[in-house]
Amino acid sequence: MLREFSLERSATIVIDVQRGLFEKRKTHDKTTNDVIGSVLANCTSLVKAIRKKSIPVVHVRTTLRRDHLDSTLSASLEKMFEENDPLADGAEILDSMAPQNGDFIVSKSGQSALQFTNLDRILYNLKVDTVLLVGGGIPGSIASTCRQAGSSTGL
């Protein structure tokens, strides 16, 4: 049975919009850089509009120890995070998406924003039953979060 959508019970989850995934991945390939710029522009516009509706925003970033012993990513994806630990510049959320007062920040060590984090508890405390997922610096992060949200939390 479908539930009625309600802004009062929704939240926006911004996944992996961080320096190590966007600024450091720019290349000499104009098409790739245009795609990166387009994704960031769309995310920024969307979050600005969401904030005007007073919908909660949760920033999720991937942070790993330098030795990657805390990683739940595959070996090929770990290479994207060689610079990302909680204090490294690569894990910082981009200025254009900077958290504002009242936003939440969650750190993850794998693809899903719900696996091994307190995100499900934050959403429960906010009485959220609908989420909008944006961002996606890691291949599969939005898809993994979406699958887990639907199967384990009922979102």
Protein backbone atom coordinates (compact mmCIF):
# COMPACT_ATOMS: atom_id res chain seq x y z
CA MET A 1 0.00 0.00 0.00
CA LEU A 2 1.35 3.42 -0.93
CA ARG A 3 1.68 6.08 1.73
CA GLU A 4 0.72 9.66 1.10
CA PHE A 5 3.75 11.89 0.60
CA SER A 6 4.23 14.53 3.27
CA LEU A 7 6.89 17.24 3.38
CA GLU A 8 6.64 17.20 7.18
CA ARG A 9 7.85 13.58 7.24
CA SER A 10 10.63 13.91 4.67
CA ALA A 11 14.36 14.62 4.71
CA THR A 12 17.08 15.18 2.13
CA ILE A 13 20.22 13.09 2.31
CA VAL A 14 23.23 14.58 0.50
CA ILE A 15 25.68 11.74 -0.13
CA ASP A 16 29.42 12.12 -0.77
CA VAL A 17 29.47 15.71 -2.02
CA GLN A 18 33.00 16.19 -0.73
CA ARG A 19 36.31 17.52 -1.97
CA GLY A 20 38.04 14.18 -2.41
CA LEU A 21 35.35 13.00 -4.79
CA PHE A 22 34.61 16.11 -6.83
CA GLU A 23 37.45 18.65 -6.72
CA LYS A 24 40.24 16.08 -6.79
CA ARG A 25 38.62 14.08 -9.61
CA LYS A 26 38.62 16.88 -12.15
CA THR A 27 40.48 15.86 -15.27
CA HIS A 28 41.69 17.32 -18.53
CA ASP A 29 38.58 15.79 -20.14
CA LYS A 30 36.05 18.58 -20.68
CA THR A 31 33.07 16.21 -20.84
CA THR A 32 33.88 14.66 -17.44
CA ASN A 33 34.39 18.09 -15.89
CA ASP A 34 31.08 19.29 -17.38
CA VAL A 35 29.26 16.31 -15.86
CA ILE A 36 30.86 16.95 -12.46
CA GLY A 37 29.90 20.63 -12.67
CA SER A 38 26.35 19.77 -13.70
CA VAL A 39 25.89 17.30 -10.83
CA LEU A 40 27.14 19.87 -8.32
CA ALA A 41 24.97 22.65 -9.75
CA ASN A 42 21.88 20.44 -9.62
CA CYS A 43 22.60 19.30 -6.06
CA THR A 44 23.20 22.86 -4.90
CA SER A 45 19.96 24.15 -6.48
CA LEU A 46 17.95 21.30 -5.07
CA VAL A 47 19.26 21.70 -1.52
CA LYS A 48 18.62 25.47 -1.63
CA ALA A 49 15.01 24.81 -2.62
CA ILE A 50 14.65 22.11 0.05
CA ARG A 51 15.92 24.47 2.74
CA LYS A 52 13.27 27.04 1.81
CA LYS A 53 10.67 24.38 2.69
CA SER A 54 12.40 23.72 6.07
CA ILE A 55 13.02 20.08 5.20
CA PRO A 56 15.86 18.52 7.24
CA VAL A 57 19.18 18.06 5.42
CA VAL A 58 21.60 15.27 6.32
CA HIS A 59 25.11 15.35 4.84
CA VAL A 60 26.78 11.96 4.56
CA ARG A 61 30.48 11.83 3.79
CA THR A 62 32.87 8.95 3.38
CA THR A 63 35.78 9.02 5.79
CA LEU A 64 38.45 6.37 6.16
CA ARG A 65 41.56 5.92 8.23
CA ARG A 66 44.71 6.36 6.16
CA ASP A 67 45.36 2.61 6.43
CA HIS A 68 41.76 1.80 5.36
CA LEU A 69 41.34 -0.78 8.12
CA ASP A 70 37.88 0.66 8.81
CA SER A 71 36.72 0.44 5.19
CA THR A 72 33.74 -1.57 4.02
CA LEU A 73 34.38 -0.53 0.39
CA SER A 74 35.72 -2.81 -2.30
CA ALA A 75 39.46 -2.51 -2.99
CA SER A 76 38.84 -0.70 -6.29
CA LEU A 77 36.63 1.93 -4.62
CA GLU A 78 39.06 2.41 -1.72
CA LYS A 79 41.58 3.91 -4.13
CA MET A 80 39.28 6.92 -4.53
CA PHE A 81 39.73 7.66 -0.82
CA GLU A 82 43.45 7.57 -0.31
CA GLU A 83 43.31 11.11 1.08
CA ASN A 84 40.04 10.82 3.00
CA ASP A 85 40.26 10.49 6.73
CA PRO A 86 38.14 12.52 9.17
CA LEU A 87 40.75 15.29 9.27
CA ALA A 88 41.88 15.27 5.65
CA ASP A 89 40.78 17.96 3.23
CA GLY A 90 39.32 15.31 0.91
CA ALA A 91 36.55 14.44 3.38
CA GLU A 92 35.37 18.03 3.72
CA ILE A 93 31.94 18.80 2.32
CA LEU A 94 32.15 21.18 -0.64
CA ASP A 95 31.67 24.87 0.15
CA SER A 96 28.72 25.11 -2.24
CA MET A 97 26.92 22.49 -0.14
CA ALA A 98 28.27 23.54 3.24
CA PRO A 99 26.17 22.38 6.20
CA GLN A 100 24.06 25.05 7.84
CA ASN A 101 22.74 25.34 11.39
CA GLY A 102 20.39 22.47 12.06
CA ASP A 103 21.87 20.17 9.38
CA PHE A 104 23.18 16.76 10.37
CA ILE A 105 26.57 15.30 9.38
CA VAL A 106 27.08 11.54 9.26
CA SER A 107 30.33 9.76 8.41
CA LYS A 108 30.33 6.42 6.64
CA SER A 109 33.03 3.94 5.65
CA GLY A 110 31.23 2.10 2.85
CA GLN A 111 28.74 2.63 0.06
CA SER A 112 25.41 2.74 1.92
CA ALA A 113 24.72 5.77 4.10
CA LEU A 114 22.69 3.49 6.39
CA GLN A 115 25.23 0.72 6.96
CA PHE A 116 27.21 1.07 10.20
CA THR A 117 26.03 4.68 10.79
CA ASN A 118 23.47 6.40 12.98
CA LEU A 119 21.51 7.75 10.00
CA ASP A 120 18.57 5.42 10.59
CA ARG A 121 18.29 6.71 14.15
CA ILE A 122 18.42 10.36 13.04
CA LEU A 123 15.61 9.70 10.54
CA TYR A 124 13.60 7.87 13.21
CA ASN A 125 14.05 10.74 15.69
CA LEU A 126 12.90 13.20 13.01
CA LYS A 127 9.86 10.97 12.29
CA VAL A 128 10.91 10.77 8.63
CA ASP A 129 9.30 8.21 6.34
CA THR A 130 10.38 9.64 2.97
CA VAL A 131 13.88 10.59 1.84
CA LEU A 132 15.28 12.38 -1.19
CA LEU A 133 18.78 11.13 -2.04
CA VAL A 134 21.17 13.47 -3.89
CA GLY A 135 24.90 13.57 -4.60
CA GLY A 136 26.66 10.33 -5.31
CA GLY A 137 30.40 10.81 -5.53
CA ILE A 138 30.94 7.06 -5.07
CA PRO A 139 29.56 4.72 -7.71
CA GLY A 140 26.60 2.89 -6.20
CA SER A 141 26.23 4.95 -3.00
CA ILE A 142 22.79 6.29 -3.79
CA ALA A 143 21.59 2.92 -5.11
CA SER A 144 22.94 1.07 -2.04
CA THR A 145 21.37 3.58 0.34
CA CYS A 146 18.06 3.42 -1.52
CA ARG A 147 17.95 -0.40 -1.44
CA GLN A 148 18.82 -0.52 2.25
CA ALA A 149 16.33 2.21 3.12
CA GLY A 150 13.52 0.34 1.40
CA SER A 151 14.36 -3.08 2.76
CA SER A 152 15.45 -2.44 6.33
CA THR A 153 13.89 0.83 7.44
CA GLY A 154 10.68 0.96 5.46
CA LEU A 155 11.47 4.36 3.92
